[in-house]
Amino acid sequence: EIVKYEGVMTQNVIAAAMDNIEAKVTNMGLLGNISTITIEYCQNMMNYSKNEDIDSRQIVPAGTIEVQYHSSDDKYYEIIATNIVAIEDKEKIEPKLIEIQALDKAGIKKRYRELRRSGENTHGKGGGIGMYEIAKVSDEIIYQFEAINEDKYYFTMGSIVKKKEKK
């Protein structure tokens, strides 16, 4: 386990997580990818997390972030984030994740460049370009929405970053 934090997300929490990651991940390419993913997940929590109350749309910048190294046969890093989102957040996020999972690596990179160039979805909250950025540097992405009530969901998103063996 490299990082495990549950609670309110702040810039200081992100900085401490980055310190832990930098101390334990020595491969610079992997370090960049793991750092990018972790920062994106934490920023998403800071900007979109809600509490469980049906009537509340108040942002509660909290959640769980975990970064783990699995040293089994297929060595890889796993970054998992969980927080609470409202139904309208789910309706914005899920189509992007469905599209991302349907694309191969080249397709993700192409779509990311298109979104960057067009400026589409880069200025407003929930634009989703960060999801493409995460997908671009991940080897695999998983996600799940688990209903809390008719209006709120636990949202879990995870990334796998595989350790490439030296040839």
N, C-alpha and C. Protein backbone atom coordinates (compact mmCIF):
# COMPACT_ATOMS: atom_id res chain seq x y z
N GLU A 1 0.84 -1.19 0.00
CA GLU A 1 0.00 0.00 0.00
C GLU A 1 0.88 1.25 0.00
N ILE A 2 0.62 2.13 -0.94
CA ILE A 2 1.42 3.34 -1.07
C ILE A 2 0.70 4.52 -0.42
N VAL A 3 -0.58 4.65 -0.73
CA VAL A 3 -1.40 5.72 -0.16
C VAL A 3 -2.78 5.14 0.14
N LYS A 4 -3.32 5.49 1.30
CA LYS A 4 -4.71 5.20 1.60
C LYS A 4 -5.22 6.34 2.47
N TYR A 5 -6.22 7.05 1.96
CA TYR A 5 -6.76 8.19 2.69
C TYR A 5 -8.27 8.20 2.53
N GLU A 6 -8.95 8.45 3.62
CA GLU A 6 -10.40 8.62 3.59
C GLU A 6 -10.72 9.85 4.41
N GLY A 7 -11.42 10.78 3.78
CA GLY A 7 -11.79 12.00 4.49
C GLY A 7 -11.92 13.16 3.53
N VAL A 8 -11.77 14.35 4.08
CA VAL A 8 -11.89 15.58 3.30
C VAL A 8 -10.63 15.75 2.44
N MET A 9 -10.84 16.02 1.15
CA MET A 9 -9.74 16.23 0.23
C MET A 9 -9.34 17.71 0.25
N THR A 10 -8.07 17.96 0.43
CA THR A 10 -7.53 19.32 0.37
C THR A 10 -6.26 19.28 -0.46
N GLN A 11 -5.75 20.45 -0.79
CA GLN A 11 -4.48 20.50 -1.53
C GLN A 11 -3.36 19.89 -0.69
N ASN A 12 -3.41 20.06 0.63
CA ASN A 12 -2.39 19.47 1.50
C ASN A 12 -2.44 17.94 1.47
N VAL A 13 -3.65 17.38 1.43
CA VAL A 13 -3.79 15.92 1.34
C VAL A 13 -3.20 15.43 0.02
N ILE A 14 -3.50 16.14 -1.06
CA ILE A 14 -2.95 15.75 -2.37
C ILE A 14 -1.42 15.83 -2.34
N ALA A 15 -0.88 16.90 -1.75
CA ALA A 15 0.58 17.05 -1.67
C ALA A 15 1.21 15.91 -0.87
N ALA A 16 0.58 15.52 0.24
CA ALA A 16 1.10 14.42 1.06
C ALA A 16 1.04 13.11 0.28
N ALA A 17 -0.04 12.89 -0.45
CA ALA A 17 -0.17 11.68 -1.28
C ALA A 17 0.95 11.65 -2.33
N MET A 18 1.21 12.79 -2.95
CA MET A 18 2.26 12.87 -3.97
C MET A 18 3.63 12.58 -3.36
N ASP A 19 3.87 13.07 -2.14
CA ASP A 19 5.14 12.78 -1.46
C ASP A 19 5.32 11.28 -1.26
N ASN A 20 4.25 10.60 -0.82
CA ASN A 20 4.31 9.15 -0.62
C ASN A 20 4.56 8.42 -1.93
N ILE A 21 3.86 8.84 -2.97
CA ILE A 21 4.01 8.19 -4.27
C ILE A 21 5.44 8.39 -4.79
N GLU A 22 5.95 9.62 -4.69
CA GLU A 22 7.31 9.90 -5.17
C GLU A 22 8.37 9.11 -4.40
N ALA A 23 8.12 8.86 -3.12
CA ALA A 23 9.08 8.11 -2.30
C ALA A 23 9.07 6.62 -2.63
N LYS A 24 7.95 6.11 -3.13
CA LYS A 24 7.82 4.66 -3.31
C LYS A 24 7.81 4.18 -4.76
N VAL A 25 7.59 5.08 -5.71
CA VAL A 25 7.57 4.69 -7.13
C VAL A 25 8.84 5.26 -7.76
N THR A 26 9.74 4.37 -8.13
CA THR A 26 11.04 4.83 -8.63
C THR A 26 11.09 4.96 -10.15
N ASN A 27 10.22 4.28 -10.86
CA ASN A 27 10.18 4.36 -12.31
C ASN A 27 9.53 5.70 -12.70
N MET A 28 10.27 6.57 -13.36
CA MET A 28 9.79 7.93 -13.63
C MET A 28 8.57 7.96 -14.55
N GLY A 29 8.52 7.08 -15.54
CA GLY A 29 7.35 7.03 -16.42
C GLY A 29 6.10 6.63 -15.66
N LEU A 30 6.23 5.59 -14.85
CA LEU A 30 5.10 5.15 -14.03
C LEU A 30 4.74 6.20 -13.00
N LEU A 31 5.73 6.85 -12.43
CA LEU A 31 5.49 7.89 -11.43
C LEU A 31 4.61 8.99 -12.01
N GLY A 32 4.92 9.43 -13.22
CA GLY A 32 4.12 10.46 -13.88
C GLY A 32 2.68 10.04 -14.08
N ASN A 33 2.49 8.81 -14.56
CA ASN A 33 1.14 8.31 -14.81
C ASN A 33 0.35 8.16 -13.51
N ILE A 34 0.96 7.56 -12.50
CA ILE A 34 0.28 7.34 -11.22
C ILE A 34 -0.05 8.68 -10.57
N SER A 35 0.86 9.62 -10.65
CA SER A 35 0.62 10.95 -10.08
C SER A 35 -0.53 11.65 -10.79
N THR A 36 -0.54 11.62 -12.11
CA THR A 36 -1.61 12.25 -12.89
C THR A 36 -2.96 11.69 -12.50
N ILE A 37 -3.07 10.37 -12.44
CA ILE A 37 -4.33 9.72 -12.10
C ILE A 37 -4.77 10.10 -10.70
N THR A 38 -3.86 10.01 -9.74
CA THR A 38 -4.19 10.31 -8.35
C THR A 38 -4.66 11.75 -8.20
N ILE A 39 -3.96 12.68 -8.81
CA ILE A 39 -4.35 14.10 -8.74
C ILE A 39 -5.73 14.31 -9.36
N GLU A 40 -5.98 13.73 -10.53
CA GLU A 40 -7.29 13.86 -11.18
C GLU A 40 -8.40 13.31 -10.29
N TYR A 41 -8.19 12.13 -9.72
CA TYR A 41 -9.21 11.54 -8.85
C TYR A 41 -9.48 12.44 -7.64
N CYS A 42 -8.43 12.94 -7.02
CA CYS A 42 -8.60 13.81 -5.85
C CYS A 42 -9.30 15.12 -6.22
N GLN A 43 -8.92 15.71 -7.35
CA GLN A 43 -9.58 16.95 -7.78
C GLN A 43 -11.05 16.71 -8.10
N ASN A 44 -11.36 15.57 -8.70
CA ASN A 44 -12.77 15.24 -8.95
C ASN A 44 -13.55 15.20 -7.65
N MET A 45 -12.96 14.59 -6.61
CA MET A 45 -13.63 14.53 -5.32
C MET A 45 -13.81 15.93 -4.73
N MET A 46 -12.79 16.76 -4.87
CA MET A 46 -12.87 18.11 -4.32
C MET A 46 -13.97 18.93 -5.02
N ASN A 47 -14.19 18.67 -6.29
CA ASN A 47 -15.14 19.48 -7.06
C ASN A 47 -16.55 18.92 -7.15
N TYR A 48 -16.73 17.61 -6.96
CA TYR A 48 -18.03 17.02 -7.25
C TYR A 48 -18.66 16.23 -6.13
N SER A 49 -17.92 15.85 -5.11
CA SER A 49 -18.49 14.99 -4.07
C SER A 49 -19.63 15.68 -3.34
N LYS A 50 -20.66 14.90 -3.07
CA LYS A 50 -21.83 15.38 -2.33
C LYS A 50 -21.98 14.53 -1.07
N ASN A 51 -22.92 14.93 -0.20
CA ASN A 51 -23.24 14.06 0.94
C ASN A 51 -24.43 13.19 0.55
N GLU A 52 -24.85 12.32 1.45
CA GLU A 52 -25.91 11.35 1.13
C GLU A 52 -27.31 11.96 1.14
N ASP A 53 -27.49 13.15 1.68
CA ASP A 53 -28.80 13.79 1.80
C ASP A 53 -29.43 14.02 0.43
N ILE A 54 -30.63 13.50 0.22
CA ILE A 54 -31.32 13.59 -1.07
C ILE A 54 -31.48 15.04 -1.53
N ASP A 55 -31.83 15.93 -0.61
CA ASP A 55 -32.16 17.30 -1.00
C ASP A 55 -30.93 18.20 -1.16
N SER A 56 -29.78 17.74 -0.76
CA SER A 56 -28.59 18.59 -0.76
C SER A 56 -27.78 18.45 -2.05
N ARG A 57 -27.35 19.58 -2.58
CA ARG A 57 -26.42 19.59 -3.71
C ARG A 57 -25.10 20.22 -3.27
N GLN A 58 -24.96 20.40 -1.97
CA GLN A 58 -23.75 20.99 -1.43
C GLN A 58 -22.56 20.08 -1.70
N ILE A 59 -21.48 20.69 -2.14
CA ILE A 59 -20.25 19.92 -2.38
C ILE A 59 -19.59 19.63 -1.04
N VAL A 60 -19.32 18.36 -0.82
CA VAL A 60 -18.60 17.90 0.37
C VAL A 60 -17.34 17.23 -0.16
N PRO A 61 -16.22 17.96 -0.18
CA PRO A 61 -15.02 17.46 -0.88
C PRO A 61 -14.34 16.32 -0.13
N ALA A 62 -15.00 15.17 -0.13
CA ALA A 62 -14.49 14.03 0.63
C ALA A 62 -14.61 12.76 -0.19
N GLY A 63 -13.86 11.77 0.25
CA GLY A 63 -13.90 10.47 -0.41
C GLY A 63 -12.75 9.63 0.07
N THR A 64 -12.49 8.58 -0.68
CA THR A 64 -11.39 7.66 -0.38
C THR A 64 -10.50 7.56 -1.61
N ILE A 65 -9.20 7.61 -1.37
CA ILE A 65 -8.23 7.39 -2.45
C ILE A 65 -7.24 6.34 -1.97
N GLU A 66 -6.96 5.36 -2.82
CA GLU A 66 -5.99 4.31 -2.50
C GLU A 66 -5.06 4.12 -3.68
N VAL A 67 -3.79 3.99 -3.39
CA VAL A 67 -2.79 3.64 -4.40
C VAL A 67 -2.06 2.43 -3.86
N GLN A 68 -2.11 1.33 -4.62
CA GLN A 68 -1.50 0.08 -4.17
C GLN A 68 -0.61 -0.48 -5.27
N TYR A 69 0.42 -1.19 -4.83
CA TYR A 69 1.27 -1.92 -5.76
C TYR A 69 1.02 -3.39 -5.56
N HIS A 70 0.74 -4.08 -6.65
CA HIS A 70 0.52 -5.53 -6.61
C HIS A 70 1.74 -6.20 -7.24
N SER A 71 2.41 -7.02 -6.45
CA SER A 71 3.66 -7.60 -6.93
C SER A 71 3.52 -9.07 -7.31
N SER A 72 2.31 -9.46 -7.69
CA SER A 72 2.10 -10.83 -8.15
C SER A 72 2.79 -11.02 -9.50
N ASP A 73 2.45 -12.06 -10.23
CA ASP A 73 3.09 -12.33 -11.52
C ASP A 73 3.00 -11.12 -12.45
N ASP A 74 1.81 -10.54 -12.55
CA ASP A 74 1.58 -9.38 -13.41
C ASP A 74 1.68 -8.14 -12.53
N LYS A 75 2.87 -7.57 -12.44
CA LYS A 75 3.11 -6.45 -11.52
C LYS A 75 2.38 -5.21 -12.02
N TYR A 76 1.61 -4.57 -11.12
CA TYR A 76 0.86 -3.38 -11.51
C TYR A 76 0.51 -2.52 -10.30
N TYR A 77 0.19 -1.27 -10.61
CA TYR A 77 -0.29 -0.32 -9.62
C TYR A 77 -1.79 -0.17 -9.83
N GLU A 78 -2.50 -0.01 -8.73
CA GLU A 78 -3.94 0.18 -8.79
C GLU A 78 -4.28 1.44 -8.01
N ILE A 79 -5.02 2.34 -8.65
CA ILE A 79 -5.45 3.58 -8.02
C ILE A 79 -6.97 3.54 -8.00
N ILE A 80 -7.56 3.66 -6.81
CA ILE A 80 -9.02 3.56 -6.67
C ILE A 80 -9.53 4.77 -5.88
N ALA A 81 -10.57 5.38 -6.40
CA ALA A 81 -11.20 6.52 -5.73
C ALA A 81 -12.69 6.24 -5.56
N THR A 82 -13.23 6.58 -4.41
CA THR A 82 -14.66 6.43 -4.15
C THR A 82 -15.19 7.70 -3.51
N ASN A 83 -16.31 8.17 -4.02
CA ASN A 83 -16.99 9.31 -3.43
C ASN A 83 -18.47 9.25 -3.78
N ILE A 84 -19.22 10.22 -3.31
CA ILE A 84 -20.66 10.27 -3.55
C ILE A 84 -20.95 11.32 -4.61
N VAL A 85 -21.78 10.94 -5.60
CA VAL A 85 -22.20 11.89 -6.63
C VAL A 85 -23.73 11.92 -6.70
N ALA A 86 -24.24 13.02 -7.21
CA ALA A 86 -25.68 13.17 -7.44
C ALA A 86 -26.02 12.56 -8.80
N ILE A 87 -27.29 12.32 -9.00
CA ILE A 87 -27.74 11.67 -10.24
C ILE A 87 -27.33 12.46 -11.48
N GLU A 88 -27.36 13.80 -11.40
CA GLU A 88 -26.97 14.58 -12.59
C GLU A 88 -25.48 14.44 -12.88
N ASP A 89 -24.67 14.22 -11.84
CA ASP A 89 -23.24 13.96 -12.06
C ASP A 89 -23.06 12.62 -12.76
N LYS A 90 -23.80 11.62 -12.29
CA LYS A 90 -23.74 10.29 -12.90
C LYS A 90 -24.12 10.38 -14.38
N GLU A 91 -25.16 11.17 -14.68
CA GLU A 91 -25.62 11.29 -16.06
C GLU A 91 -24.61 12.00 -16.96
N LYS A 92 -23.72 12.82 -16.39
CA LYS A 92 -22.64 13.46 -17.15
C LYS A 92 -21.45 12.53 -17.32
N ILE A 93 -21.11 11.82 -16.22
CA ILE A 93 -19.89 11.01 -16.19
C ILE A 93 -20.03 9.70 -16.96
N GLU A 94 -21.12 9.01 -16.75
CA GLU A 94 -21.26 7.64 -17.28
C GLU A 94 -21.11 7.55 -18.81
N PRO A 95 -21.74 8.45 -19.60
CA PRO A 95 -21.55 8.33 -21.06
C PRO A 95 -20.08 8.47 -21.48
N LYS A 96 -19.34 9.33 -20.78
CA LYS A 96 -17.91 9.48 -21.11
C LYS A 96 -17.15 8.20 -20.79
N LEU A 97 -17.47 7.58 -19.65
CA LEU A 97 -16.79 6.33 -19.28
C LEU A 97 -17.16 5.20 -20.23
N ILE A 98 -18.40 5.16 -20.67
CA ILE A 98 -18.82 4.15 -21.65
C ILE A 98 -18.05 4.34 -22.96
N GLU A 99 -17.93 5.60 -23.40
CA GLU A 99 -17.17 5.88 -24.62
C GLU A 99 -15.70 5.48 -24.45
N ILE A 100 -15.11 5.85 -23.31
CA ILE A 100 -13.70 5.53 -23.05
C ILE A 100 -13.48 4.02 -23.10
N GLN A 101 -14.37 3.26 -22.50
CA GLN A 101 -14.18 1.80 -22.48
C GLN A 101 -14.37 1.18 -23.86
N ALA A 102 -15.06 1.88 -24.75
CA ALA A 102 -15.25 1.35 -26.11
C ALA A 102 -14.06 1.67 -27.02
N LEU A 103 -13.20 2.61 -26.59
CA LEU A 103 -12.07 3.02 -27.42
C LEU A 103 -10.80 2.25 -27.06
N ASP A 104 -9.93 2.07 -28.06
CA ASP A 104 -8.60 1.53 -27.77
C ASP A 104 -7.69 2.70 -27.39
N LYS A 105 -6.43 2.42 -27.06
CA LYS A 105 -5.49 3.45 -26.63
C LYS A 105 -5.38 4.59 -27.66
N ALA A 106 -5.25 4.24 -28.93
CA ALA A 106 -5.12 5.26 -29.97
C ALA A 106 -6.38 6.12 -30.03
N GLY A 107 -7.53 5.51 -29.89
CA GLY A 107 -8.80 6.22 -29.92
C GLY A 107 -8.95 7.18 -28.75
N ILE A 108 -8.49 6.74 -27.58
CA ILE A 108 -8.54 7.60 -26.39
C ILE A 108 -7.64 8.82 -26.59
N LYS A 109 -6.44 8.58 -27.08
CA LYS A 109 -5.50 9.70 -27.30
C LYS A 109 -6.06 10.67 -28.35
N LYS A 110 -6.65 10.13 -29.41
CA LYS A 110 -7.23 10.97 -30.46
C LYS A 110 -8.38 11.80 -29.89
N ARG A 111 -9.26 11.18 -29.14
CA ARG A 111 -10.42 11.89 -28.55
C ARG A 111 -9.94 12.95 -27.57
N TYR A 112 -8.92 12.65 -26.77
CA TYR A 112 -8.35 13.61 -25.84
C TYR A 112 -7.81 14.83 -26.59
N ARG A 113 -7.07 14.59 -27.67
CA ARG A 113 -6.52 15.70 -28.47
C ARG A 113 -7.65 16.55 -29.07
N GLU A 114 -8.71 15.88 -29.57
CA GLU A 114 -9.86 16.61 -30.13
C GLU A 114 -10.49 17.52 -29.09
N LEU A 115 -10.71 16.98 -27.89
CA LEU A 115 -11.32 17.77 -26.82
C LEU A 115 -10.42 18.93 -26.41
N ARG A 116 -9.12 18.68 -26.32
CA ARG A 116 -8.16 19.72 -25.96
C ARG A 116 -8.15 20.85 -27.00
N ARG A 117 -8.06 20.44 -28.29
CA ARG A 117 -8.00 21.42 -29.38
C ARG A 117 -9.27 22.27 -29.47
N SER A 118 -10.40 21.62 -29.33
CA SER A 118 -11.68 22.31 -29.50
C SER A 118 -11.99 23.24 -28.33
N GLY A 119 -11.37 22.96 -27.17
CA GLY A 119 -11.69 23.73 -25.98
C GLY A 119 -13.02 23.30 -25.38
N GLU A 120 -13.70 22.39 -26.09
CA GLU A 120 -14.98 21.85 -25.61
C GLU A 120 -14.75 21.11 -24.30
N ASN A 121 -15.61 21.33 -23.36
CA ASN A 121 -15.56 20.62 -22.07
C ASN A 121 -14.34 20.94 -21.22
N THR A 122 -13.65 22.03 -21.49
CA THR A 122 -12.45 22.29 -20.69
C THR A 122 -12.67 23.36 -19.63
N HIS A 123 -13.70 24.18 -19.79
CA HIS A 123 -13.85 25.29 -18.87
C HIS A 123 -14.92 25.04 -17.81
N GLY A 124 -15.95 24.31 -18.16
CA GLY A 124 -17.03 24.08 -17.21
C GLY A 124 -16.75 22.89 -16.33
N LYS A 125 -17.39 22.87 -15.17
CA LYS A 125 -17.27 21.72 -14.29
C LYS A 125 -17.95 20.53 -14.94
N GLY A 126 -17.37 19.37 -14.76
CA GLY A 126 -17.99 18.16 -15.29
C GLY A 126 -17.78 17.98 -16.77
N GLY A 127 -16.82 18.72 -17.32
CA GLY A 127 -16.56 18.61 -18.74
C GLY A 127 -16.08 17.24 -19.15
N GLY A 128 -15.35 16.58 -18.28
CA GLY A 128 -14.96 15.21 -18.53
C GLY A 128 -13.62 15.01 -19.21
N ILE A 129 -12.93 16.09 -19.58
CA ILE A 129 -11.66 15.89 -20.26
C ILE A 129 -10.67 15.17 -19.34
N GLY A 130 -10.81 15.38 -18.03
CA GLY A 130 -9.96 14.70 -17.06
C GLY A 130 -10.12 13.19 -17.13
N MET A 131 -11.32 12.73 -17.44
CA MET A 131 -11.55 11.28 -17.58
C MET A 131 -10.73 10.72 -18.72
N TYR A 132 -10.64 11.48 -19.81
CA TYR A 132 -9.83 11.04 -20.96
C TYR A 132 -8.34 11.10 -20.62
N GLU A 133 -7.97 12.09 -19.83
CA GLU A 133 -6.56 12.19 -19.39
C GLU A 133 -6.19 10.98 -18.54
N ILE A 134 -7.08 10.60 -17.64
CA ILE A 134 -6.87 9.41 -16.81
C ILE A 134 -6.75 8.16 -17.70
N ALA A 135 -7.68 8.03 -18.64
CA ALA A 135 -7.69 6.86 -19.52
C ALA A 135 -6.44 6.78 -20.38
N LYS A 136 -5.94 7.94 -20.77
CA LYS A 136 -4.76 8.01 -21.63
C LYS A 136 -3.54 7.39 -20.96
N VAL A 137 -3.43 7.55 -19.64
CA VAL A 137 -2.24 7.06 -18.94
C VAL A 137 -2.50 5.77 -18.13
N SER A 138 -3.71 5.23 -18.24
CA SER A 138 -4.05 3.98 -17.55
C SER A 138 -3.99 2.83 -18.55
N ASP A 139 -3.67 1.65 -18.04
CA ASP A 139 -3.74 0.46 -18.89
C ASP A 139 -5.15 -0.11 -18.88
N GLU A 140 -5.88 0.20 -17.84
CA GLU A 140 -7.25 -0.31 -17.71
C GLU A 140 -8.02 0.61 -16.75
N ILE A 141 -9.31 0.77 -17.02
CA ILE A 141 -10.18 1.58 -16.15
C ILE A 141 -11.41 0.75 -15.79
N ILE A 142 -11.78 0.83 -14.53
CA ILE A 142 -13.03 0.21 -14.08
C ILE A 142 -13.84 1.29 -13.37
N TYR A 143 -15.14 1.14 -13.35
CA TYR A 143 -15.96 2.07 -12.60
C TYR A 143 -17.26 1.40 -12.18
N GLN A 144 -17.90 1.99 -11.18
CA GLN A 144 -19.17 1.46 -10.69
C GLN A 144 -19.95 2.58 -10.02
N PHE A 145 -21.24 2.61 -10.27
CA PHE A 145 -22.16 3.48 -9.55
C PHE A 145 -23.05 2.59 -8.71
N GLU A 146 -23.06 2.81 -7.41
CA GLU A 146 -23.90 2.02 -6.50
C GLU A 146 -24.91 2.96 -5.86
N ALA A 147 -26.20 2.70 -6.09
CA ALA A 147 -27.25 3.60 -5.60
C ALA A 147 -27.28 3.64 -4.07
N ILE A 148 -27.34 4.86 -3.54
CA ILE A 148 -27.56 5.08 -2.11
C ILE A 148 -29.05 5.27 -1.89
N ASN A 149 -29.64 6.09 -2.78
CA ASN A 149 -31.08 6.35 -2.82
C ASN A 149 -31.40 6.74 -4.26
N GLU A 150 -32.58 7.27 -4.52
CA GLU A 150 -32.95 7.56 -5.91
C GLU A 150 -32.18 8.75 -6.50
N ASP A 151 -31.41 9.44 -5.67
CA ASP A 151 -30.78 10.66 -6.12
C ASP A 151 -29.25 10.69 -5.96
N LYS A 152 -28.69 9.77 -5.19
CA LYS A 152 -27.25 9.78 -4.92
C LYS A 152 -26.65 8.40 -5.13
N TYR A 153 -25.36 8.40 -5.50
CA TYR A 153 -24.64 7.16 -5.79
C TYR A 153 -23.25 7.21 -5.18
N TYR A 154 -22.78 6.03 -4.73
CA TYR A 154 -21.37 5.88 -4.47
C TYR A 154 -20.74 5.66 -5.84
N PHE A 155 -19.73 6.46 -6.16
CA PHE A 155 -19.05 6.35 -7.44
C PHE A 155 -17.63 5.88 -7.17
N THR A 156 -17.30 4.72 -7.71
CA THR A 156 -15.95 4.16 -7.58
C THR A 156 -15.34 4.10 -8.97
N MET A 157 -14.13 4.62 -9.06
CA MET A 157 -13.40 4.55 -10.32
C MET A 157 -11.99 4.08 -10.01
N GLY A 158 -11.50 3.18 -10.82
CA GLY A 158 -10.17 2.65 -10.59
C GLY A 158 -9.36 2.58 -11.87
N SER A 159 -8.06 2.69 -11.71
CA SER A 159 -7.13 2.60 -12.83
C SER A 159 -6.06 1.56 -12.51
N ILE A 160 -5.67 0.86 -13.54
CA ILE A 160 -4.55 -0.07 -13.46
C ILE A 160 -3.42 0.50 -14.30
N VAL A 161 -2.23 0.56 -13.72
CA VAL A 161 -1.04 0.98 -14.45
C VAL A 161 -0.05 -0.17 -14.32
N LYS A 162 0.22 -0.82 -15.45
CA LYS A 162 1.08 -2.01 -15.43
C LYS A 162 2.55 -1.62 -15.45
N LYS A 163 3.30 -2.37 -14.69
CA LYS A 163 4.74 -2.20 -14.66
C LYS A 163 5.31 -2.95 -15.85
N LYS A 164 5.94 -2.22 -16.74
CA LYS A 164 6.52 -2.83 -17.96
C LYS A 164 7.87 -3.45 -17.58
N GLU A 165 8.06 -4.67 -17.99
CA GLU A 165 9.33 -5.33 -17.73
C GLU A 165 10.39 -4.81 -18.69
N LYS A 166 11.58 -4.63 -18.20
CA LYS A 166 12.70 -4.19 -19.06
C LYS A 166 13.10 -5.34 -19.98
N LYS A 167 13.40 -4.97 -21.22
CA LYS A 167 13.78 -6.00 -22.22
C LYS A 167 15.28 -6.15 -22.28
